[in-house]
Protein backbone atom coordinates (compact mmCIF):
# COMPACT_ATOMS: atom_id res chain seq x y z
CA MET A 1 11.43 42.68 6.88
CA VAL A 2 14.51 39.68 7.67
CA VAL A 3 17.67 38.95 4.72
CA ASP A 4 20.07 36.21 5.62
CA GLY A 5 18.44 35.80 9.07
CA LEU A 6 19.25 39.81 10.21
CA VAL A 7 16.30 41.85 10.46
CA GLU A 8 16.08 45.11 7.93
CA HIS A 9 16.30 48.40 9.73
CA ARG A 10 13.16 50.55 8.13
CA ARG A 11 10.36 52.73 9.29
CA ILE A 12 7.94 51.05 11.07
CA SER A 13 4.55 52.98 10.94
CA PRO A 14 1.75 53.22 13.83
CA LEU A 15 -0.64 51.06 10.83
CA ASP A 16 2.23 48.21 10.70
CA LYS A 17 2.29 48.71 14.56
CA VAL A 18 -1.39 47.88 14.86
CA LYS A 19 -1.42 44.90 12.35
CA ALA A 20 1.72 43.57 14.37
CA TYR A 21 -0.17 43.57 17.31
CA PHE A 22 -3.75 42.07 15.52
CA ALA A 23 -1.16 39.09 14.42
CA LEU A 24 0.09 38.36 17.21
CA THR A 25 -2.94 37.47 18.55
CA LYS A 26 -3.37 35.19 16.12
CA PRO A 27 -6.74 36.20 15.22
CA ARG A 28 -7.54 32.88 12.82
CA VAL A 29 -7.47 31.01 15.89
CA ILE A 30 -9.29 32.88 17.96
CA GLU A 31 -12.49 33.56 15.40
CA LEU A 32 -12.27 29.67 15.18
CA LEU A 33 -12.91 29.34 18.91
CA LEU A 34 -15.29 32.10 18.96
CA VAL A 35 -17.41 30.44 16.43
CA THR A 36 -17.38 27.49 19.58
CA THR A 37 -18.83 30.19 22.41
CA VAL A 38 -22.49 31.80 20.94
CA PRO A 39 -23.91 28.17 20.32
CA VAL A 40 -22.49 26.94 23.45
CA MET A 41 -24.63 30.23 25.09
CA ILE A 42 -27.94 29.29 23.18
CA LEU A 43 -28.03 26.01 24.06
CA ALA A 44 -27.36 26.83 28.02
CA GLN A 45 -29.59 29.69 28.10
CA GLY A 46 -32.10 27.75 26.06
CA GLY A 47 -32.86 30.07 23.96
CA ILE A 48 -31.76 33.45 23.26
CA PRO A 49 -29.04 34.94 25.94
CA ASN A 50 -28.83 38.47 27.15
CA LEU A 51 -26.43 39.90 24.00
CA TRP A 52 -24.75 41.97 26.33
CA LEU A 53 -23.66 38.91 28.31
CA VAL A 54 -23.03 37.42 24.75
CA PHE A 55 -20.40 40.49 24.04
CA ALA A 56 -19.01 40.64 26.82
CA THR A 57 -17.97 36.72 26.88
CA LEU A 58 -16.65 36.92 23.16
CA ILE A 59 -14.86 40.25 24.14
CA GLY A 60 -13.22 38.74 27.14
CA GLY A 61 -12.56 35.39 25.23
CA ALA A 62 -11.43 36.69 22.58
CA LEU A 63 -8.54 39.25 24.78
CA SER A 64 -8.18 35.84 26.77
CA ALA A 65 -6.97 33.50 23.36
CA GLY A 66 -5.63 37.05 22.30
CA SER A 67 -2.80 37.26 25.18
CA ALA A 68 -2.45 33.54 25.23
CA GLY A 69 -1.31 33.46 21.24
CA ALA A 70 0.93 36.62 22.52
CA PHE A 71 2.34 34.95 24.94
CA ASN A 72 3.44 31.55 22.39
CA CYS A 73 4.48 34.41 20.16
CA TYR A 74 7.03 35.58 22.38
CA PHE A 75 8.30 32.05 23.76
CA ASP A 76 8.71 29.93 20.33
CA ARG A 77 9.95 33.22 18.70
CA ASP A 78 13.25 31.30 18.17
CA ILE A 79 11.28 28.14 16.58
CA ASP A 80 9.43 30.83 14.27
CA ARG A 81 12.44 32.15 13.04
CA LEU A 82 13.28 28.39 11.41
CA MET A 83 9.90 27.70 9.73
CA HIS A 84 9.04 28.95 6.54
CA ARG A 85 5.14 28.81 8.03
CA THR A 86 5.92 31.05 11.08
CA SER A 87 8.39 33.29 9.14
CA GLN A 88 6.09 36.48 8.85
CA ARG A 89 4.92 36.88 12.68
CA PRO A 90 5.84 39.96 13.97
CA LEU A 91 8.92 38.61 16.45
CA VAL A 92 10.11 37.35 13.43
CA THR A 93 10.61 40.20 11.21
CA GLY A 94 10.88 42.53 13.96
CA VAL A 95 7.70 44.69 13.29
CA LEU A 96 8.17 44.64 17.54
CA SER A 97 9.92 44.11 19.84
CA ASP A 98 10.56 41.26 22.43
CA ARG A 99 9.56 43.70 25.19
CA GLU A 100 6.11 44.84 22.84
CA ALA A 101 4.86 41.59 22.79
CA LEU A 102 5.01 40.43 26.25
CA VAL A 103 4.23 43.67 27.53
CA PHE A 104 1.01 43.58 25.06
CA ALA A 105 0.27 39.98 26.46
CA TRP A 106 0.37 40.55 29.88
CA THR A 107 -1.78 43.71 29.39
CA ILE A 108 -4.55 42.12 27.37
CA GLY A 109 -4.44 39.25 29.91
CA VAL A 110 -4.92 40.92 32.73
CA ILE A 111 -7.92 42.75 30.81
CA SER A 112 -9.47 39.43 30.07
CA ILE A 113 -9.55 38.17 32.76
CA ALA A 114 -11.12 41.43 35.04
CA TRP A 115 -13.68 41.88 32.41
CA LEU A 116 -14.83 38.54 32.50
CA ALA A 117 -15.23 38.75 36.37
CA VAL A 118 -17.36 41.92 36.28
CA PHE A 119 -19.23 41.52 33.35
CA THR A 120 -19.90 37.67 33.79
CA ASN A 121 -18.82 35.67 36.08
CA LEU A 122 -16.23 34.28 38.45
CA LEU A 123 -16.28 30.79 37.16
CA ALA A 124 -16.00 32.65 33.68
CA ALA A 125 -13.13 34.19 34.34
CA SER A 126 -11.26 31.81 36.41
CA LEU A 127 -11.90 29.43 32.84
CA SER A 128 -10.53 31.83 31.39
CA LEU A 129 -6.97 32.33 33.43
CA VAL A 130 -7.05 28.60 33.68
CA ALA A 131 -6.59 28.40 29.81
CA ILE A 132 -4.26 31.40 29.04
CA LEU A 133 -2.31 28.70 32.08
CA ILE A 134 -2.94 25.60 29.68
CA TYR A 135 -1.64 27.03 26.67
CA VAL A 136 1.04 28.55 28.27
CA LEU A 137 2.73 27.13 31.32
CA LEU A 138 1.49 23.20 29.62
CA TYR A 139 1.68 23.80 25.96
CA THR A 140 4.44 26.36 25.44
CA LEU A 141 7.02 26.07 27.98
CA VAL A 142 6.44 22.53 28.89
CA LEU A 143 4.54 19.58 26.33
CA LYS A 144 5.48 21.67 22.35
CA ARG A 145 9.46 20.77 22.85
CA ARG A 146 9.52 17.65 24.64
CA THR A 147 6.59 15.19 23.61
CA PRO A 148 4.34 14.21 20.35
CA GLN A 149 1.68 14.28 23.02
CA ASN A 150 1.57 18.32 22.93
CA ILE A 151 -1.17 18.87 20.98
CA VAL A 152 -2.85 16.05 22.47
CA TRP A 153 -2.75 17.71 25.66
CA GLY A 154 -1.85 21.64 25.37
CA GLY A 155 -5.30 21.09 23.33
CA THR A 156 -7.18 21.07 26.05
CA ALA A 157 -6.55 25.00 26.03
CA GLY A 158 -8.28 24.93 23.11
CA CYS A 159 -11.66 23.39 24.67
CA MET A 160 -11.80 26.17 27.48
CA PRO A 161 -14.37 28.58 25.51
CA VAL A 162 -17.32 26.09 25.74
CA LEU A 163 -16.84 25.52 29.39
CA ILE A 164 -16.68 29.84 29.36
CA GLY A 165 -19.42 29.77 27.47
CA TRP A 166 -21.41 28.47 29.76
CA ALA A 167 -20.39 29.24 32.47
CA ALA A 168 -21.07 32.91 31.95
CA VAL A 169 -24.66 32.07 31.34
CA THR A 170 -25.15 29.06 34.08
CA ASN A 171 -22.49 30.25 36.51
CA SER A 172 -22.01 26.46 36.51
CA LEU A 173 -21.10 23.49 34.80
CA SER A 174 -22.88 20.52 33.63
CA TRP A 175 -22.52 16.87 31.41
CA GLU A 176 -23.53 18.72 28.53
CA ALA A 177 -20.76 21.37 28.59
CA LEU A 178 -17.96 18.56 29.51
CA ILE A 179 -19.39 17.04 26.51
CA LEU A 180 -18.77 19.43 24.16
CA PHE A 181 -15.30 20.19 25.87
CA GLY A 182 -14.65 16.18 25.09
CA ILE A 183 -15.68 16.90 21.64
CA ILE A 184 -12.90 19.50 20.94
CA PHE A 185 -10.33 18.09 23.33
CA LEU A 186 -10.89 15.06 20.61
CA TRP A 187 -11.39 16.60 17.25
CA THR A 188 -7.73 18.98 18.47
CA PRO A 189 -5.08 15.86 17.26
CA PRO A 190 -7.16 14.92 13.85
CA HIS A 191 -7.31 18.57 13.50
CA TYR A 192 -3.54 19.49 13.11
CA TRP A 193 -1.71 16.57 12.79
CA PRO A 194 -2.26 17.44 9.37
CA LEU A 195 -1.24 20.34 9.57
CA SER A 196 1.45 18.88 11.24
CA MET A 197 1.93 16.73 8.43
CA LYS A 198 2.04 19.22 5.71
CA TYR A 199 4.58 21.12 7.59
CA ARG A 200 6.91 18.23 9.07
CA ALA A 201 10.12 19.43 7.00
CA ASP A 202 9.59 22.83 9.68
CA TYR A 203 8.55 21.12 12.44
CA LYS A 204 11.89 18.38 11.83
CA THR A 205 13.98 21.85 11.49
CA ALA A 206 12.65 23.13 14.00
CA GLY A 207 13.33 20.51 16.68
CA VAL A 208 9.54 19.84 17.72
CA PRO A 209 8.74 16.26 17.95
CA MET A 210 5.33 16.57 16.57
CA LEU A 211 3.41 13.01 15.74
CA ALA A 212 4.60 13.65 12.37
CA VAL A 213 8.42 14.08 13.09
CA VAL A 214 9.00 11.57 15.48
CA ARG A 215 6.52 8.65 13.18
CA GLY A 216 6.04 7.60 9.89
CA ARG A 217 2.20 8.69 8.06
CA VAL A 218 0.93 5.68 8.58
CA VAL A 219 0.91 6.01 12.62
CA VAL A 220 -0.33 10.09 12.14
CA GLY A 221 -3.00 8.08 10.05
CA LEU A 222 -4.16 5.59 12.40
CA GLN A 223 -3.88 8.06 15.23
CA ILE A 224 -6.12 10.34 13.38
CA VAL A 225 -8.49 7.88 12.64
CA LEU A 226 -8.81 6.55 15.88
CA TYR A 227 -9.54 10.29 17.63
CA ALA A 228 -11.61 10.95 14.72
CA TRP A 229 -14.05 7.35 16.45
CA ALA A 230 -13.86 8.98 19.00
CA MET A 231 -14.76 12.49 18.39
CA VAL A 232 -17.53 11.67 15.89
CA ALA A 233 -18.77 8.88 19.75
CA CYS A 234 -18.72 11.70 21.87
CA SER A 235 -20.64 13.86 19.66
CA LEU A 236 -23.43 11.73 19.84
CA LEU A 237 -23.12 11.32 22.97
CA LEU A 238 -24.66 14.30 23.41
CA ILE A 239 -28.39 13.63 22.27
CA PRO A 240 -29.53 11.70 24.71
CA VAL A 241 -27.64 14.09 27.61
CA GLY A 242 -28.94 17.24 25.83
CA HIS A 243 -32.03 16.18 24.62
CA MET A 244 -30.95 17.26 21.49
CA GLY A 245 -33.27 17.41 18.30
CA LEU A 246 -33.36 16.36 14.75
CA ILE A 247 -30.99 18.97 13.36
CA TYR A 248 -28.19 18.52 15.39
CA SER A 249 -28.44 14.64 15.39
CA ALA A 250 -29.09 14.72 11.23
CA THR A 251 -25.76 16.76 11.20
CA ALA A 252 -23.66 15.02 13.72
CA VAL A 253 -24.56 12.04 12.51
CA ILE A 254 -23.85 12.96 8.30
CA ALA A 255 -21.15 15.58 8.96
CA GLY A 256 -19.18 12.86 11.00
CA ALA A 257 -19.68 10.33 8.24
CA TRP A 258 -18.60 12.31 6.15
CA PHE A 259 -15.28 13.06 8.33
CA LEU A 260 -14.79 10.03 9.01
CA TYR A 261 -14.55 8.75 5.47
CA GLU A 262 -12.16 11.81 5.01
CA SER A 263 -9.99 10.37 7.18
CA HIS A 264 -9.42 6.80 6.40
CA ARG A 265 -9.08 8.24 3.00
CA LEU A 266 -5.60 9.95 4.45
CA TYR A 267 -4.98 6.06 6.34
CA SER A 268 -6.10 3.85 2.97
CA ARG A 269 -3.81 6.49 1.36
CA SER A 270 -0.74 6.45 3.94
CA ILE A 271 -0.90 2.70 4.05
CA ARG A 272 -0.37 1.86 0.31
CA ASP A 273 2.09 5.18 0.33
CA LEU A 274 -0.15 6.83 -2.82
CA GLU A 275 0.41 10.70 -2.60
CA ILE A 276 -1.62 12.19 0.19
CA LYS A 277 -3.09 15.63 0.44
CA PRO A 278 -3.23 16.01 4.76
CA MET A 279 -5.07 20.04 4.11
CA ARG A 280 -7.88 18.11 2.82
CA VAL A 281 -9.01 16.87 6.50
CA PHE A 282 -7.44 19.88 8.33
CA HIS A 283 -9.93 21.87 6.16
CA GLY A 284 -12.72 19.34 6.34
CA SER A 285 -12.02 19.16 10.28
CA ILE A 286 -13.02 23.40 10.28
CA THR A 287 -15.78 22.50 8.94
CA TYR A 288 -16.88 19.46 10.51
CA LEU A 289 -16.55 21.61 13.88
CA THR A 290 -18.96 24.59 12.60
CA LEU A 291 -21.67 22.35 11.42
CA ILE A 292 -21.66 20.53 14.67
CA PHE A 293 -21.70 24.03 16.82
CA LEU A 294 -23.83 25.81 13.79
CA ALA A 295 -26.22 22.81 14.70
CA VAL A 296 -26.31 23.29 18.89
CA ALA A 297 -26.57 26.84 18.68
CA ILE A 298 -30.27 26.25 15.74
CA ASP A 299 -31.15 22.95 17.79
CA PRO A 300 -32.19 25.30 20.64
CA LEU A 301 -34.48 27.85 19.01
CA LEU A 302 -35.96 25.51 16.60
CA PRO A 303 -39.57 25.80 19.15
CA PHE A 304 -39.09 29.89 18.95
CA LEU A 305 -39.11 30.06 15.09
CA GLN A 306 -41.86 27.55 14.30
CA VAL A 307 -44.12 30.02 16.62
């Protein structure tokens, strides 16, 4: 517990420690990443892949993402103490020490790479290592505190699970995998910038130059619209390249049109200086991505379901 900026000493139970280590991995982020991995593996296989391989990839991916999240909590512990949104993270509350967090991050990171190398292949393991390095070195240590483009380029780490999933099945990469990578890359700004609009004061207090902090909400709204259009266009590109069927095609068009409507609505209300609800776009982006990747999973399974 934090009182007037000081950690109140209290007895920390083993269960508290376990919960804190779990929180350190940013489980909500892991959940979102894993939602994209399984559908990509199904598409790469053209059906249900080996279930052990799916399990091994998910375990390795979760550990990798958890390691990146733990490193992020360690290096950002100073600004986390200044932001209301992050005030309950384990290093802020004092449930975990800095050393415990750092050892944990290194441990599960090394285990994740070794696990993927042994139970999937070296390409998947290498891509997982690249994802950790991008999130920790490029995003956390270089970009986050220096440029409003932080989430754009740092967000590439969140795109890596689709490449890891594809590589785990095929031991190679393809245009389909790169297009799926592109969808998430273009999705990240319109997903994250609405969140930064809501917590603009937090980021400003912490000195983090999110786009919503350094530019007005009209500019942010316009950028969200532009990235949303690019994202939808990229999702449609998968139809001819990946030979996608009716389920994916209809989902990409309908879900894309709905998300574009929500993005334009946010921009329009920003221009007219009306009350905006950025979290509506934030939550909508999660629904959009879930629907797209659910369609990616269902589409190649249709011939088997019809037998």
